[in-house]
C-alpha atoms as a PDB file:
ATOM      1  CA  UNK A   1     182.709  52.643  79.165  1.00  0.00           C
ATOM      2  CA  UNK A   2     180.752  54.418  76.422  1.00  0.00           C
ATOM      3  CA  UNK A   3     177.062  55.219  76.090  1.00  0.00           C
ATOM      4  CA  UNK A   4     174.683  57.219  73.939  1.00  0.00           C
ATOM      5  CA  UNK A   5     173.547  60.528  75.389  1.00  0.00           C
ATOM      6  CA  UNK A   6     169.879  60.528  76.403  1.00  0.00           C
ATOM      7  CA  UNK A   7     167.622  63.515  77.085  1.00  0.00           C
ATOM      8  CA  UNK A   8     168.166  63.319  80.829  1.00  0.00           C
ATOM      9  CA  UNK A   9     171.948  63.457  80.275  1.00  0.00           C
ATOM     10  CA  UNK A  10     171.971  66.654  78.162  1.00  0.00           C
ATOM     11  CA  UNK A  11     172.773  68.997  81.071  1.00  0.00           C
ATOM     12  CA  UNK A  12     175.708  66.807  82.137  1.00  0.00           C
ATOM     13  CA  UNK A  13     176.905  66.546  78.543  1.00  0.00           C
ATOM     14  CA  UNK A  14     176.757  70.317  77.977  1.00  0.00           C
ATOM     15  CA  UNK A  15     178.547  71.009  81.277  1.00  0.00           C
ATOM     16  CA  UNK A  16     181.379  68.695  80.187  1.00  0.00           C
ATOM     17  CA  UNK A  17     181.719  70.393  76.787  1.00  0.00           C
ATOM     18  CA  UNK A  18     181.709  73.902  78.217  1.00  0.00           C
ATOM     19  CA  UNK A  19     184.319  73.080  80.855  1.00  0.00           C
ATOM     20  CA  UNK A  20     186.688  71.136  78.583  1.00  0.00           C
ATOM     21  CA  UNK A  21     189.552  73.023  76.864  1.00  0.00           C
ATOM     22  CA  UNK A  22     188.726  71.202  73.598  1.00  0.00           C
ATOM     23  CA  UNK A  23     184.991  71.989  73.850  1.00  0.00           C
ATOM     24  CA  UNK A  24     183.305  73.432  70.770  1.00  0.00           C
ATOM     25  CA  UNK A  25     179.839  74.875  70.118  1.00  0.00           C
ATOM     26  CA  UNK A  26     179.456  72.669  67.034  1.00  0.00           C
ATOM     27  CA  UNK A  27     179.477  69.584  69.285  1.00  0.00           C
ATOM     28  CA  UNK A  28     176.663  71.034  71.407  1.00  0.00           C
ATOM     29  CA  UNK A  29     173.041  69.889  71.386  1.00  0.00           C
ATOM     30  CA  UNK A  30     172.167  73.590  71.031  1.00  0.00           C
ATOM     31  CA  UNK A  31     173.904  73.756  67.655  1.00  0.00           C
ATOM     32  CA  UNK A  32     172.065  70.616  66.575  1.00  0.00           C
ATOM     33  CA  UNK A  33     168.824  72.611  66.842  1.00  0.00           C
ATOM     34  CA  UNK A  34     170.241  74.863  64.147  1.00  0.00           C
ATOM     35  CA  UNK A  35     170.368  71.872  61.775  1.00  0.00           C
ATOM     36  CA  UNK A  36     166.774  70.528  61.747  1.00  0.00           C
ATOM     37  CA  UNK A  37     167.357  68.507  58.566  1.00  0.00           C
ATOM     38  CA  UNK A  38     169.847  66.369  60.502  1.00  0.00           C
ATOM     39  CA  UNK A  39     169.386  64.009  63.455  1.00  0.00           C
ATOM     40  CA  UNK A  40     171.730  64.404  66.410  1.00  0.00           C
ATOM     41  CA  UNK A  41     173.335  61.621  68.429  1.00  0.00           C
ATOM     42  CA  UNK A  42     176.155  61.877  70.936  1.00  0.00           C
ATOM     43  CA  UNK A  43     178.449  59.371  72.621  1.00  0.00           C
ATOM     44  CA  UNK A  44     180.239  59.839  75.938  1.00  0.00           C
ATOM     45  CA  UNK A  45     183.052  57.887  77.535  1.00  0.00           C
ATOM     46  CA  UNK A  46     183.218  57.676  81.348  1.00  0.00           C
ATOM     47  CA  UNK A  47     186.064  57.103  83.759  1.00  0.00           C
ATOM     48  CA  UNK A  48     186.119  54.698  86.727  1.00  0.00           C
ATOM     49  CA  UNK A  49     184.194  57.220  88.866  1.00  0.00           C
ATOM     50  CA  UNK A  50     181.452  57.590  86.271  1.00  0.00           C
ATOM     51  CA  UNK A  51     182.554  61.073  85.184  1.00  0.00           C
ATOM     52  CA  UNK A  52     182.544  61.978  81.488  1.00  0.00           C
ATOM     53  CA  UNK A  53     186.095  62.072  80.154  1.00  0.00           C
ATOM     54  CA  UNK A  54     185.399  62.215  76.413  1.00  0.00           C
ATOM     55  CA  UNK A  55     182.565  62.857  73.990  1.00  0.00           C
ATOM     56  CA  UNK A  56     181.684  63.005  70.326  1.00  0.00           C
ATOM     57  CA  UNK A  57     178.420  64.053  68.698  1.00  0.00           C
ATOM     58  CA  UNK A  58     177.189  63.444  65.175  1.00  0.00           C
ATOM     59  CA  UNK A  59     174.808  65.093  62.775  1.00  0.00           C
ATOM     60  CA  UNK A  60     173.215  62.286  60.769  1.00  0.00           C
ATOM     61  CA  UNK A  61     171.426  62.696  57.466  1.00  0.00           C
ATOM     62  CA  UNK A  62     170.149  60.499  54.662  1.00  0.00           C
ATOM     63  CA  UNK A  63     171.894  61.723  51.526  1.00  0.00           C
ATOM     64  CA  UNK A  64     170.085  62.065  48.196  1.00  0.00           C
ATOM     65  CA  UNK A  65     170.737  59.697  45.296  1.00  0.00           C
ATOM     66  CA  UNK A  66     172.696  57.143  47.360  1.00  0.00           C
ATOM     67  CA  UNK A  67     169.913  57.014  50.008  1.00  0.00           C
ATOM     68  CA  UNK A  68     172.361  56.128  52.758  1.00  0.00           C
ATOM     69  CA  UNK A  69     173.319  58.048  55.875  1.00  0.00           C
ATOM     70  CA  UNK A  70     176.316  60.287  56.424  1.00  0.00           C
ATOM     71  CA  UNK A  71     177.554  60.773  60.012  1.00  0.00           C
ATOM     72  CA  UNK A  72     179.374  64.055  60.548  1.00  0.00           C
ATOM     73  CA  UNK A  73     181.162  65.000  63.776  1.00  0.00           C
ATOM     74  CA  UNK A  74     181.747  68.730  63.327  1.00  0.00           C
ATOM     75  CA  UNK A  75     184.856  69.686  65.359  1.00  0.00           C
ATOM     76  CA  UNK A  76     184.746  66.483  67.372  1.00  0.00           C
ATOM     77  CA  UNK A  77     185.816  64.574  69.352  1.00  0.00           C
ATOM     78  CA  UNK A  78     186.189  66.407  72.681  1.00  0.00           C
ATOM     79  CA  UNK A  79     188.757  64.721  74.907  1.00  0.00           C
ATOM     80  CA  UNK A  80     192.356  65.084  76.042  1.00  0.00           C
ATOM     81  CA  UNK A  81     194.319  65.014  72.783  1.00  0.00           C
ATOM     82  CA  UNK A  82     196.935  62.625  74.173  1.00  0.00           C
ATOM     83  CA  UNK A  83     194.436  60.193  75.738  1.00  0.00           C
ATOM     84  CA  UNK A  84     194.700  57.285  73.295  1.00  0.00           C
ATOM     85  CA  UNK A  85     192.491  54.969  75.321  1.00  0.00           C
ATOM     86  CA  UNK A  86     189.557  57.383  75.500  1.00  0.00           C
ATOM     87  CA  UNK A  87     189.956  58.298  71.839  1.00  0.00           C
ATOM     88  CA  UNK A  88     189.950  54.623  70.834  1.00  0.00           C
ATOM     89  CA  UNK A  89     186.818  53.948  72.893  1.00  0.00           C
ATOM     90  CA  UNK A  90     185.000  56.866  71.262  1.00  0.00           C
ATOM     91  CA  UNK A  91     186.015  55.752  67.772  1.00  0.00           C
ATOM     92  CA  UNK A  92     184.956  52.136  68.324  1.00  0.00           C
ATOM     93  CA  UNK A  93     181.585  53.302  69.647  1.00  0.00           C
ATOM     94  CA  UNK A  94     181.267  55.634  66.648  1.00  0.00           C
ATOM     95  CA  UNK A  95     181.894  52.753  64.226  1.00  0.00           C
ATOM     96  CA  UNK A  96     179.265  50.659  65.989  1.00  0.00           C
ATOM     97  CA  UNK A  97     176.785  53.545  65.686  1.00  0.00           C
ATOM     98  CA  UNK A  98     177.627  53.875  61.982  1.00  0.00           C
ATOM     99  CA  UNK A  99     176.725  50.225  61.411  1.00  0.00           C
ATOM    100  CA  UNK A 100     173.471  50.694  63.289  1.00  0.00           C
ATOM    101  CA  UNK A 101     172.675  53.796  61.228  1.00  0.00           C
ATOM    102  CA  UNK A 102     173.745  52.141  57.955  1.00  0.00           C
ATOM    103  CA  UNK A 103     176.083  55.066  57.373  1.00  0.00           C
ATOM    104  CA  UNK A 104     178.413  54.887  54.391  1.00  0.00           C
ATOM    105  CA  UNK A 105     180.931  57.251  56.023  1.00  0.00           C
ATOM    106  CA  UNK A 106     181.982  58.783  59.337  1.00  0.00           C
ATOM    107  CA  UNK A 107     183.294  62.253  58.593  1.00  0.00           C
ATOM    108  CA  UNK A 108     185.163  64.317  61.196  1.00  0.00           C
ATOM    109  CA  UNK A 109     187.199  67.533  61.158  1.00  0.00           C
ATOM    110  CA  UNK A 110     188.740  67.871  64.637  1.00  0.00           C
ATOM    111  CA  UNK A 111     189.590  71.188  66.253  1.00  0.00           C
ATOM    112  CA  UNK A 112     193.219  70.049  66.439  1.00  0.00           C
ATOM    113  CA  UNK A 113     196.264  71.854  64.953  1.00  0.00           C
ATOM    114  CA  UNK A 114     198.107  70.082  62.150  1.00  0.00           C
ATOM    115  CA  UNK A 115     201.269  70.340  64.263  1.00  0.00           C
ATOM    116  CA  UNK A 116     199.815  67.620  66.506  1.00  0.00           C
ATOM    117  CA  UNK A 117     201.186  64.715  64.457  1.00  0.00           C
ATOM    118  CA  UNK A 118     200.400  62.160  67.171  1.00  0.00           C
ATOM    119  CA  UNK A 119     196.667  62.951  66.961  1.00  0.00           C
ATOM    120  CA  UNK A 120     196.719  62.513  63.193  1.00  0.00           C
ATOM    121  CA  UNK A 121     198.440  59.170  63.736  1.00  0.00           C
ATOM    122  CA  UNK A 122     195.684  58.094  66.140  1.00  0.00           C
ATOM    123  CA  UNK A 123     193.103  58.854  63.458  1.00  0.00           C
ATOM    124  CA  UNK A 124     195.001  56.833  60.872  1.00  0.00           C
ATOM    125  CA  UNK A 125     195.417  53.922  63.274  1.00  0.00           C
ATOM    126  CA  UNK A 126     191.622  53.858  63.586  1.00  0.00           C
ATOM    127  CA  UNK A 127     191.235  53.583  59.803  1.00  0.00           C
ATOM    128  CA  UNK A 128     190.458  57.235  59.072  1.00  0.00           C
ATOM    129  CA  UNK A 129     191.960  58.751  55.935  1.00  0.00           C
ATOM    130  CA  UNK A 130     192.572  62.419  55.305  1.00  0.00           C
ATOM    131  CA  UNK A 131     191.036  64.311  52.398  1.00  0.00           C
ATOM    132  CA  UNK A 132     192.907  66.932  50.386  1.00  0.00           C
ATOM    133  CA  UNK A 133     190.325  69.709  50.554  1.00  0.00           C
ATOM    134  CA  UNK A 134     192.542  72.455  49.120  1.00  0.00           C
ATOM    135  CA  UNK A 135     193.911  75.630  50.626  1.00  0.00           C
ATOM    136  CA  UNK A 136     190.852  77.832  50.294  1.00  0.00           C
ATOM    137  CA  UNK A 137     187.303  77.121  51.491  1.00  0.00           C
ATOM    138  CA  UNK A 138     186.585  73.784  49.820  1.00  0.00           C
ATOM    139  CA  UNK A 139     186.117  71.843  53.073  1.00  0.00           C
ATOM    140  CA  UNK A 140     182.924  71.714  55.160  1.00  0.00           C
ATOM    141  CA  UNK A 141     184.655  73.741  57.892  1.00  0.00           C
ATOM    142  CA  UNK A 142     187.680  76.029  57.441  1.00  0.00           C
ATOM    143  CA  UNK A 143     190.978  74.193  57.647  1.00  0.00           C
ATOM    144  CA  UNK A 144     192.865  77.456  58.266  1.00  0.00           C
ATOM    145  CA  UNK A 145     191.857  80.030  60.867  1.00  0.00           C
ATOM    146  CA  UNK A 146     193.230  82.906  62.903  1.00  0.00           C
ATOM    147  CA  UNK A 147     193.047  82.578  66.678  1.00  0.00           C
ATOM    148  CA  UNK A 148     193.807  85.198  69.273  1.00  0.00           C
ATOM    149  CA  UNK A 149     194.796  83.753  72.643  1.00  0.00           C
ATOM    150  CA  UNK A 150     193.521  86.141  75.309  1.00  0.00           C
ATOM    151  CA  UNK A 151     194.767  84.234  78.368  1.00  0.00           C
ATOM    152  CA  UNK A 152     193.500  86.662  80.986  1.00  0.00           C
ATOM    153  CA  UNK A 153     194.848  89.828  79.349  1.00  0.00           C
ATOM    154  CA  UNK A 154     193.093  93.173  79.807  1.00  0.00           C
ATOM    155  CA  UNK A 155     191.523  95.164  76.961  1.00  0.00           C
ATOM    156  CA  UNK A 156     194.558  97.452  76.911  1.00  0.00           C
ATOM    157  CA  UNK A 157     196.968  94.527  76.721  1.00  0.00           C
ATOM    158  CA  UNK A 158     194.994  92.830  73.940  1.00  0.00           C
ATOM    159  CA  UNK A 159     194.713  96.002  71.862  1.00  0.00           C
ATOM    160  CA  UNK A 160     198.438  96.635  72.280  1.00  0.00           C
ATOM    161  CA  UNK A 161     198.998  93.475  70.209  1.00  0.00           C
ATOM    162  CA  UNK A 162     197.130  94.885  67.193  1.00  0.00           C
ATOM    163  CA  UNK A 163     198.969  96.372  64.247  1.00  0.00           C
ATOM    164  CA  UNK A 164     199.094 100.134  64.802  1.00  0.00           C
ATOM    165  CA  UNK A 165     196.998 100.759  61.660  1.00  0.00           C
ATOM    166  CA  UNK A 166     194.287  98.497  63.089  1.00  0.00           C
ATOM    167  CA  UNK A 167     194.221 100.483  66.340  1.00  0.00           C
ATOM    168  CA  UNK A 168     193.998 103.654  64.269  1.00  0.00           C
ATOM    169  CA  UNK A 169     191.087 102.272  62.214  1.00  0.00           C
ATOM    170  CA  UNK A 170     189.141 101.456  65.387  1.00  0.00           C
ATOM    171  CA  UNK A 171     189.622 105.058  66.525  1.00  0.00           C
ATOM    172  CA  UNK A 172     188.578 106.320  63.073  1.00  0.00           C
ATOM    173  CA  UNK A 173     185.282 104.409  63.294  1.00  0.00           C
ATOM    174  CA  UNK A 174     184.549 105.896  66.721  1.00  0.00           C
ATOM    175  CA  UNK A 175     185.564 109.416  65.644  1.00  0.00           C
ATOM    176  CA  UNK A 176     183.382 109.291  62.530  1.00  0.00           C
ATOM    177  CA  UNK A 177     180.328 108.335  64.564  1.00  0.00           C
ATOM    178  CA  UNK A 178     180.033 104.586  63.952  1.00  0.00           C
ATOM    179  CA  UNK A 179     177.874 103.091  66.712  1.00  0.00           C
ATOM    180  CA  UNK A 180     177.830  99.384  67.595  1.00  0.00           C
ATOM    181  CA  UNK A 181     174.557  98.019  68.944  1.00  0.00           C
ATOM    182  CA  UNK A 182     173.527  94.613  70.211  1.00  0.00           C
ATOM    183  CA  UNK A 183     170.420  93.719  68.226  1.00  0.00           C
ATOM    184  CA  UNK A 184     167.696  91.108  68.230  1.00  0.00           C
ATOM    185  CA  UNK A 185     165.727  89.430  65.483  1.00  0.00           C
ATOM    186  CA  UNK A 186     164.232  92.752  64.413  1.00  0.00           C
ATOM    187  CA  UNK A 187     167.534  93.560  62.664  1.00  0.00           C
ATOM    188  CA  UNK A 188     168.016  90.162  61.003  1.00  0.00           C
ATOM    189  CA  UNK A 189     166.430  91.270  57.671  1.00  0.00           C
ATOM    190  CA  UNK A 190     168.931  94.151  57.443  1.00  0.00           C
ATOM    191  CA  UNK A 191     171.817  91.881  58.399  1.00  0.00           C
ATOM    192  CA  UNK A 192     170.768  89.298  55.779  1.00  0.00           C
ATOM    193  CA  UNK A 193     170.432  92.027  53.143  1.00  0.00           C
ATOM    194  CA  UNK A 194     173.954  93.284  53.831  1.00  0.00           C
ATOM    195  CA  UNK A 195     175.189  89.660  53.838  1.00  0.00           C
ATOM    196  CA  UNK A 196     173.886  89.221  50.279  1.00  0.00           C
ATOM    197  CA  UNK A 197     175.663  92.434  49.264  1.00  0.00           C
ATOM    198  CA  UNK A 198     178.872  91.105  50.828  1.00  0.00           C
ATOM    199  CA  UNK A 199     178.502  87.659  49.239  1.00  0.00           C
ATOM    200  CA  UNK A 200     178.046  89.085  45.761  1.00  0.00           C
ATOM    201  CA  UNK A 201     181.066  91.350  46.246  1.00  0.00           C
ATOM    202  CA  UNK A 202     183.322  88.609  47.625  1.00  0.00           C
ATOM    203  CA  UNK A 203     181.859  85.673  45.681  1.00  0.00           C
ATOM    204  CA  UNK A 204     180.353  83.424  48.369  1.00  0.00           C
ATOM    205  CA  UNK A 205     176.839  82.117  49.047  1.00  0.00           C
ATOM    206  CA  UNK A 206     174.985  83.311  52.143  1.00  0.00           C
ATOM    207  CA  UNK A 207     172.209  82.054  54.403  1.00  0.00           C
ATOM    208  CA  UNK A 208     168.571  83.209  54.332  1.00  0.00           C
ATOM    209  CA  UNK A 209     167.251  85.494  57.109  1.00  0.00           C
ATOM    210  CA  UNK A 210     165.404  82.585  58.746  1.00  0.00           C
ATOM    211  CA  UNK A 211     168.720  80.841  59.425  1.00  0.00           C
ATOM    212  CA  UNK A 212     170.097  83.795  61.374  1.00  0.00           C
ATOM    213  CA  UNK A 213     166.845  84.276  63.298  1.00  0.00           C
ATOM    214  CA  UNK A 214     166.872  80.594  64.255  1.00  0.00           C
ATOM    215  CA  UNK A 215     170.452  80.947  65.490  1.00  0.00           C
ATOM    216  CA  UNK A 216     169.457  83.693  67.913  1.00  0.00           C
ATOM    217  CA  UNK A 217     166.580  81.519  69.153  1.00  0.00           C
ATOM    218  CA  UNK A 218     168.488  78.247  69.387  1.00  0.00           C
ATOM    219  CA  UNK A 219     171.621  79.588  71.080  1.00  0.00           C
ATOM    220  CA  UNK A 220     169.968  82.224  73.241  1.00  0.00           C
ATOM    221  CA  UNK A 221     172.429  84.397  75.163  1.00  0.00           C
ATOM    222  CA  UNK A 222     175.355  82.403  73.726  1.00  0.00           C
ATOM    223  CA  UNK A 223     174.801  84.141  70.371  1.00  0.00           C
ATOM    224  CA  UNK A 224     174.977  87.863  69.636  1.00  0.00           C
ATOM    225  CA  UNK A 225     174.086  89.946  66.599  1.00  0.00           C
ATOM    226  CA  UNK A 226     176.232  93.073  66.498  1.00  0.00           C
ATOM    227  CA  UNK A 227     175.214  95.823  64.061  1.00  0.00           C
ATOM    228  CA  UNK A 228     177.195  98.933  63.107  1.00  0.00           C
ATOM    229  CA  UNK A 229     175.159 102.084  62.488  1.00  0.00           C
ATOM    230  CA  UNK A 230     176.068 105.447  61.026  1.00  0.00           C
ATOM    231  CA  UNK A 231     173.597 108.291  61.356  1.00  0.00           C
ATOM    232  CA  UNK A 232     170.941 105.715  62.215  1.00  0.00           C
ATOM    233  CA  UNK A 233     171.574 103.544  59.146  1.00  0.00           C
ATOM    234  CA  UNK A 234     172.884  99.954  59.465  1.00  0.00           C
ATOM    235  CA  UNK A 235     176.097  99.617  57.489  1.00  0.00           C
ATOM    236  CA  UNK A 236     177.663  96.363  58.761  1.00  0.00           C
ATOM    237  CA  UNK A 237     177.040  93.484  61.127  1.00  0.00           C
ATOM    238  CA  UNK A 238     178.462  90.326  62.684  1.00  0.00           C
ATOM    239  CA  UNK A 239     177.210  87.201  64.432  1.00  0.00           C
ATOM    240  CA  UNK A 240     179.304  85.720  67.246  1.00  0.00           C
ATOM    241  CA  UNK A 241     178.988  82.674  69.502  1.00  0.00           C
ATOM    242  CA  UNK A 242     180.292  82.310  73.057  1.00  0.00           C
ATOM    243  CA  UNK A 243     180.652  78.735  74.295  1.00  0.00           C
ATOM    244  CA  UNK A 244     182.862  77.591  77.150  1.00  0.00           C
ATOM    245  CA  UNK A 245     186.088  79.588  77.144  1.00  0.00           C
ATOM    246  CA  UNK A 246     185.918  80.698  73.502  1.00  0.00           C
ATOM    247  CA  UNK A 247     184.171  83.239  71.286  1.00  0.00           C
ATOM    248  CA  UNK A 248     183.838  82.577  67.550  1.00  0.00           C
ATOM    249  CA  UNK A 249     183.277  85.239  64.910  1.00  0.00           C
ATOM    250  CA  UNK A 250     180.858  83.288  62.732  1.00  0.00           C
ATOM    251  CA  UNK A 251     179.381  85.645  60.120  1.00  0.00           C
ATOM    252  CA  UNK A 252     180.228  89.143  58.986  1.00  0.00           C
ATOM    253  CA  UNK A 253     178.629  91.561  56.528  1.00  0.00           C
ATOM    254  CA  UNK A 254     179.425  95.061  55.321  1.00  0.00           C
ATOM    255  CA  UNK A 255     177.682  97.285  52.777  1.00  0.00           C
ATOM    256  CA  UNK A 256     179.545  98.535  49.732  1.00  0.00           C
ATOM    257  CA  UNK A 257     179.007 102.081  50.970  1.00  0.00           C
ATOM    258  CA  UNK A 258     180.608 103.544  54.101  1.00  0.00           C
ATOM    259  CA  UNK A 259     183.505 101.096  54.149  1.00  0.00           C
ATOM    260  CA  UNK A 260     185.756 104.126  54.642  1.00  0.00           C
ATOM    261  CA  UNK A 261     184.202 104.452  58.114  1.00  0.00           C
ATOM    262  CA  UNK A 262     185.975 101.250  59.187  1.00  0.00           C
ATOM    263  CA  UNK A 263     182.942  99.610  60.855  1.00  0.00           C
ATOM    264  CA  UNK A 264     184.421  96.100  60.551  1.00  0.00           C
ATOM    265  CA  UNK A 265     187.367  96.988  62.783  1.00  0.00           C
ATOM    266  CA  UNK A 266     185.093  98.321  65.508  1.00  0.00           C
ATOM    267  CA  UNK A 267     182.811  95.293  65.207  1.00  0.00           C
ATOM    268  CA  UNK A 268     185.743  92.943  65.725  1.00  0.00           C
ATOM    269  CA  UNK A 269     186.866  94.898  68.756  1.00  0.00           C
ATOM    270  CA  UNK A 270     183.332  94.766  70.218  1.00  0.00           C
ATOM    271  CA  UNK A 271     183.256  90.966  69.896  1.00  0.00           C
ATOM    272  CA  UNK A 272     186.694  90.684  71.463  1.00  0.00           C
ATOM    273  CA  UNK A 273     185.501  92.821  74.375  1.00  0.00           C
ATOM    274  CA  UNK A 274     182.677  90.297  74.892  1.00  0.00           C
ATOM    275  CA  UNK A 275     185.278  87.519  75.036  1.00  0.00           C
ATOM    276  CA  UNK A 276     187.454  89.472  77.478  1.00  0.00           C
ATOM    277  CA  UNK A 277     184.445  90.270  79.722  1.00  0.00           C
ATOM    278  CA  UNK A 278     183.723  86.545  79.964  1.00  0.00           C
ATOM    279  CA  UNK A 279     187.357  85.600  80.730  1.00  0.00           C
ATOM    280  CA  UNK A 280     187.603  83.606  77.514  1.00  0.00           C
ATOM    281  CA  UNK A 281     190.871  81.966  76.599  1.00  0.00           C
ATOM    282  CA  UNK A 282     190.388  82.148  72.815  1.00  0.00           C
ATOM    283  CA  UNK A 283     188.876  84.534  70.293  1.00  0.00           C
ATOM    284  CA  UNK A 284     188.496  82.668  67.000  1.00  0.00           C
ATOM    285  CA  UNK A 285     188.329  84.693  63.774  1.00  0.00           C
ATOM    286  CA  UNK A 286     187.405  81.545  61.825  1.00  0.00           C
ATOM    287  CA  UNK A 287     188.430  80.895  58.258  1.00  0.00           C
ATOM    288  CA  UNK A 288     191.157  82.258  56.026  1.00  0.00           C
ATOM    289  CA  UNK A 289     192.878  80.796  52.984  1.00  0.00           C
ATOM    290  CA  UNK A 290     195.903  78.576  53.432  1.00  0.00           C
ATOM    291  CA  UNK A 291     197.419  80.256  50.375  1.00  0.00           C
ATOM    292  CA  UNK A 292     198.720  83.518  51.832  1.00  0.00           C
ATOM    293  CA  UNK A 293     200.267  84.877  48.625  1.00  0.00           C
ATOM    294  CA  UNK A 294     199.235  88.441  47.834  1.00  0.00           C
ATOM    295  CA  UNK A 295     197.762  87.489  44.447  1.00  0.00           C
ATOM    296  CA  UNK A 296     195.245  85.143  46.114  1.00  0.00           C
ATOM    297  CA  UNK A 297     191.700  86.635  45.890  1.00  0.00           C
ATOM    298  CA  UNK A 298     191.284  85.828  49.613  1.00  0.00           C
ATOM    299  CA  UNK A 299     194.455  87.642  50.675  1.00  0.00           C
ATOM    300  CA  UNK A 300     192.496  90.682  51.890  1.00  0.00           C
ATOM    301  CA  UNK A 301     190.602  88.529  54.395  1.00  0.00           C
ATOM    302  CA  UNK A 302     193.871  87.004  55.636  1.00  0.00           C
ATOM    303  CA  UNK A 303     195.463  90.429  56.003  1.00  0.00           C
ATOM    304  CA  UNK A 304     192.444  91.867  57.856  1.00  0.00           C
ATOM    305  CA  UNK A 305     192.420  89.084  60.465  1.00  0.00           C
ATOM    306  CA  UNK A 306     196.211  88.958  60.775  1.00  0.00           C
ATOM    307  CA  UNK A 307     196.311  92.617  61.763  1.00  0.00           C
ATOM    308  CA  UNK A 308     194.592  91.853  65.077  1.00  0.00           C
ATOM    309  CA  UNK A 309     197.621  89.902  66.253  1.00  0.00           C
ATOM    310  CA  UNK A 310     196.247  86.373  66.223  1.00  0.00           C
ATOM    311  CA  UNK A 311     197.980  83.121  65.357  1.00  0.00           C
ATOM    312  CA  UNK A 312     197.582  81.575  61.910  1.00  0.00           C
ATOM    313  CA  UNK A 313     196.395  78.032  62.653  1.00  0.00           C
ATOM    314  CA  UNK A 314     196.102  75.032  60.350  1.00  0.00           C
ATOM    315  CA  UNK A 315     193.903  72.162  61.558  1.00  0.00           C
ATOM    316  CA  UNK A 316     194.509  68.495  60.758  1.00  0.00           C
ATOM    317  CA  UNK A 317     191.594  68.746  58.310  1.00  0.00           C
ATOM    318  CA  UNK A 318     188.790  66.421  57.278  1.00  0.00           C
ATOM    319  CA  UNK A 319     189.126  62.698  57.890  1.00  0.00           C
ATOM    320  CA  UNK A 320     186.775  60.011  56.614  1.00  0.00           C
ATOM    321  CA  UNK A 321     186.160  56.464  57.799  1.00  0.00           C
ATOM    322  CA  UNK A 322     184.552  54.823  54.766  1.00  0.00           C
ATOM    323  CA  UNK A 323     182.064  52.020  55.339  1.00  0.00           C
ATOM    324  CA  UNK A 324     180.964  51.608  51.703  1.00  0.00           C
ATOM    325  CA  UNK A 325     183.465  52.656  49.032  1.00  0.00           C
ATOM    326  CA  UNK A 326     181.058  52.657  46.077  1.00  0.00           C
ATOM    327  CA  UNK A 327     178.405  54.705  47.847  1.00  0.00           C
ATOM    328  CA  UNK A 328     181.107  57.035  49.164  1.00  0.00           C
ATOM    329  CA  UNK A 329     182.480  57.659  45.666  1.00  0.00           C
ATOM    330  CA  UNK A 330     179.047  58.421  44.210  1.00  0.00           C
ATOM    331  CA  UNK A 331     178.076  60.672  47.124  1.00  0.00           C
ATOM    332  CA  UNK A 332     181.322  62.673  47.023  1.00  0.00           C
ATOM    333  CA  UNK A 333     181.082  63.292  43.272  1.00  0.00           C
ATOM    334  CA  UNK A 334     177.417  64.227  43.586  1.00  0.00           C
ATOM    335  CA  UNK A 335     178.174  66.651  46.405  1.00  0.00           C
ATOM    336  CA  UNK A 336     180.782  68.507  44.338  1.00  0.00           C
ATOM    337  CA  UNK A 337     178.396  68.873  41.398  1.00  0.00           C
ATOM    338  CA  UNK A 338     175.567  70.038  43.678  1.00  0.00           C
ATOM    339  CA  UNK A 339     177.722  72.703  45.377  1.00  0.00           C
ATOM    340  CA  UNK A 340     178.918  74.033  42.030  1.00  0.00           C
ATOM    341  CA  UNK A 341     175.406  74.241  40.595  1.00  0.00           C
ATOM    342  CA  UNK A 342     173.936  75.748  43.775  1.00  0.00           C
ATOM    343  CA  UNK A 343     176.606  78.475  43.832  1.00  0.00           C
ATOM    344  CA  UNK A 344     175.889  79.417  40.201  1.00  0.00           C
ATOM    345  CA  UNK A 345     172.116  79.536  40.780  1.00  0.00           C
ATOM    346  CA  UNK A 346     172.613  81.631  43.931  1.00  0.00           C
ATOM    347  CA  UNK A 347     174.671  84.241  42.063  1.00  0.00           C
ATOM    348  CA  UNK A 348     172.155  84.414  39.201  1.00  0.00           C
ATOM    349  CA  UNK A 349     169.178  84.767  41.570  1.00  0.00           C
ATOM    350  CA  UNK A 350     170.692  87.490  43.743  1.00  0.00           C
ATOM    351  CA  UNK A 351     172.216  89.514  40.920  1.00  0.00           C
ATOM    352  CA  UNK A 352     168.776  89.669  39.310  1.00  0.00           C
ATOM    353  CA  UNK A 353     167.288  90.639  42.691  1.00  0.00           C
END
């Protein structure tokens, strides 16, 4: 039995997500608050006793030009990955919702490793088709990540799994006087400024300060802003989210100066300590490139995250269930052009600034 989540069911829904091993913050109603331009709807599937056994939530938005809705289930669904019956019920209910919303596509990118061929087969049996989003960061969410499985280990045991140079760099940061502080919204302008500096250096677009401030408000104590200081000056920062039994490293920024002080290594260790304190099972470093050759411009990011001893993980990727092929084609082409133009305008604006 499936049903749409109502306001009086939110607490039950959130409790299910946080307790489920496949739970993800992006499926939470809290994360939906971070996306005010989108509407949020969630579906749950119940067992014979009335308990939730599966769920999927969607961000829904009317897309420009085509003037039809897109339904996007970021890192959904949440259910036992081998439960075909529950999965099928959730997908059928999702298709019915798509018709009601006049959506031209249902887009999902499950938090499921590509090695799980049976899950990919379930998607294909339901009419979903995979998209080749490339090996870098072309997809909505990273297809390739590093994950460190903590599994009840102590701080000493976790650090023992780091490359020895990484352990040394953490000690260097401490020895040279780098101080990590938990900060509130008062430090968001500095964090956003350093993010712009990082984005221009590494060629990616960043969010405005208001986005980061809203994240601290919307997620409350599930979100932390860590800032690294040296002699009272902020030199780097990170934003992390704790949800269920996982911590995600979501955003990171470092100034062009003082990189020799190794603040990024100490910041990572501070976030891992948060995960260990909360008995988390997973610390997720988020995205890296799937092309791990040394001549790839993103190789440095891969190498940095790899040194902490995590597992390189490839997800099954983005899958689309297309309701209207013509609208889908126009929307996809328009989206690519928009992203390209927006990235160029962002670089021009911030380089002038």
